Amino acid sequence: VLERLVRDTRVIQELKALYHYTCQVCNQPLNRGFGDPIVEGHHIQPLGQPHNGPDVPANVIILCPNHHALFDVGALTVDLRQRQVIHADPRDPLNGVALILRHEIGEEFVRYHNEYIFKGRR
C-alpha cells in the first residue's frame, strides 16, 4: 500500500515570497539564472509517519538546500527566544547566527524537532 501526503503548496509559496526567496539561516538567494531563486520549505516537525507534523506556516522554515539538509539530519535547530540558529557542533560557524524571522514559528514544533531529530544538546 502506497500512501501519499496531500500538501498545501500555498503554505510554502507564501512563506518563500515573505522571505524574498532567501534562506532564513544564511539570508542568501540561490540564483539559478531564471525564475525565482531556489529555497525550500522545511517542516520542523516532519509530515507523515511517524512524526505527523501539520502543514501549517508555524511548522515551516524557509531554507536553502544545504541548510535544509542540515535540519533534516539533525545538525541544526533554532532558539526562538534568542532568534538564533543552533548547530549540533557548538564550534561550527553557524552556531549562534541570527535567524531571520518574519513569521511566527510554533515552539511546540521546535520542541518536537529538538526531542526527536536534533543531535546536539539543548
Protein backbone atom coordinates (compact mmCIF):
# COMPACT_ATOMS: atom_id res chain seq x y z
CA VAL A 1 0.00 0.00 0.00
CA LEU A 2 1.45 3.33 -1.08
CA GLU A 3 0.49 6.38 0.95
CA ARG A 4 0.90 9.86 -0.40
CA LEU A 5 0.60 13.05 1.62
CA VAL A 6 -1.54 15.81 0.20
CA ARG A 7 0.23 19.08 0.91
CA ASP A 8 -0.99 22.63 0.66
CA THR A 9 1.67 24.16 -1.59
CA ARG A 10 0.28 27.65 -0.87
CA VAL A 11 1.77 27.49 2.65
CA ILE A 12 5.30 27.09 1.28
CA GLN A 13 4.82 29.51 -1.64
CA GLU A 14 3.54 32.30 0.61
CA LEU A 15 6.44 31.86 3.04
CA LYS A 16 9.00 31.80 0.21
CA ALA A 17 7.61 35.13 -1.00
CA LEU A 18 7.60 36.54 2.56
CA TYR A 19 11.34 35.78 2.82
CA HIS A 20 12.03 37.05 -0.73
CA TYR A 21 13.28 33.59 -1.71
CA THR A 22 16.19 33.72 0.73
CA CYS A 23 17.23 31.25 3.41
CA GLN A 24 16.24 32.13 6.99
CA VAL A 25 19.68 30.89 8.13
CA CYS A 26 22.15 32.38 5.63
CA ASN A 27 19.89 35.06 4.10
CA GLN A 28 21.21 34.14 0.64
CA PRO A 29 19.18 33.61 -2.53
CA LEU A 30 20.35 30.68 -4.63
CA ASN A 31 20.11 32.21 -8.10
CA ARG A 32 19.51 29.60 -10.79
CA GLY A 33 19.68 32.15 -13.62
CA PHE A 34 15.94 32.13 -14.36
CA GLY A 35 12.79 32.43 -12.30
CA ASP A 36 12.78 32.64 -8.54
CA PRO A 37 15.88 31.66 -6.52
CA ILE A 38 15.91 28.15 -5.06
CA VAL A 39 14.72 27.83 -1.48
CA GLU A 40 12.80 25.04 0.19
CA GLY A 41 10.16 24.82 2.85
CA HIS A 42 11.30 22.62 5.74
CA HIS A 43 8.69 21.17 8.09
CA ILE A 44 10.21 21.46 11.56
CA GLN A 45 8.06 18.56 12.80
CA PRO A 46 8.12 16.40 9.66
CA LEU A 47 4.95 15.49 7.80
CA GLY A 48 3.74 11.90 7.61
CA GLN A 49 4.53 8.82 9.63
CA PRO A 50 5.89 8.62 12.27
CA HIS A 51 6.09 12.36 13.01
CA ASN A 52 2.67 13.55 11.80
CA GLY A 53 3.56 17.24 11.74
CA PRO A 54 0.98 19.65 10.34
CA ASP A 55 1.31 21.52 7.05
CA VAL A 56 0.91 24.99 8.59
CA PRO A 57 3.12 28.11 8.45
CA ALA A 58 4.07 27.82 12.14
CA ASN A 59 5.71 24.45 11.34
CA VAL A 60 7.74 25.67 8.34
CA ILE A 61 11.10 27.37 7.96
CA ILE A 62 12.42 28.53 4.56
CA LEU A 63 15.91 27.23 3.82
CA CYS A 64 18.49 26.86 1.07
CA PRO A 65 19.12 23.22 0.09
CA ASN A 66 22.28 22.99 2.24
CA HIS A 67 20.64 24.23 5.42
CA HIS A 68 17.55 22.12 4.69
CA ALA A 69 19.78 19.04 4.59
CA LEU A 70 21.40 20.02 7.91
CA PHE A 71 17.98 20.38 9.58
CA ASP A 72 16.89 17.01 8.13
CA VAL A 73 19.88 15.15 9.59
CA GLY A 74 19.54 16.85 12.99
CA ALA A 75 22.61 19.10 12.76
CA LEU A 76 20.60 22.33 13.14
CA THR A 77 17.82 23.68 15.29
CA VAL A 78 16.63 27.15 16.29
CA ASP A 79 16.34 29.09 19.51
CA LEU A 80 13.21 31.18 19.04
CA ARG A 81 13.73 33.32 22.15
CA GLN A 82 17.24 34.31 21.10
CA ARG A 83 16.35 34.25 17.38
CA GLN A 84 19.44 32.16 16.71
CA VAL A 85 20.46 29.07 14.81
CA ILE A 86 21.96 26.29 16.95
CA HIS A 87 24.39 23.76 15.45
CA ALA A 88 24.97 20.32 16.98
CA ASP A 89 28.68 21.20 17.00
CA PRO A 90 28.98 24.35 19.15
CA ARG A 91 32.26 25.22 17.35
CA ASP A 92 30.58 25.39 13.94
CA PRO A 93 30.38 28.91 12.46
CA LEU A 94 26.59 28.52 12.04
CA ASN A 95 26.14 28.16 15.80
CA GLY A 96 24.63 31.38 17.11
CA VAL A 97 23.96 33.11 13.79
CA ALA A 98 20.86 35.28 13.68
CA LEU A 99 17.67 33.58 12.48
CA ILE A 100 15.68 35.76 10.10
CA LEU A 101 12.16 35.59 11.47
CA ARG A 102 9.21 37.28 9.73
CA HIS A 103 6.51 34.79 10.73
CA GLU A 104 5.60 33.01 13.93
CA ILE A 105 7.13 29.58 14.39
CA GLY A 106 5.41 27.29 16.89
CA GLU A 107 7.53 26.47 19.94
CA GLU A 108 5.84 23.05 20.06
CA PHE A 109 7.30 22.15 16.66
CA VAL A 110 10.80 23.23 17.71
CA ARG A 111 10.45 21.18 20.92
CA TYR A 112 9.47 18.14 18.85
CA HIS A 113 12.42 18.68 16.48
CA ASN A 114 14.78 19.01 19.45
CA GLU A 115 13.49 15.85 21.12
CA TYR A 116 13.29 13.55 18.09
CA ILE A 117 15.57 14.93 15.36
CA PHE A 118 18.25 17.35 16.63
CA LYS A 119 21.51 15.54 17.51
CA GLY A 120 23.05 18.25 19.68
CA ARG A 121 22.39 19.31 23.26
CA ARG A 122 19.65 21.80 24.11
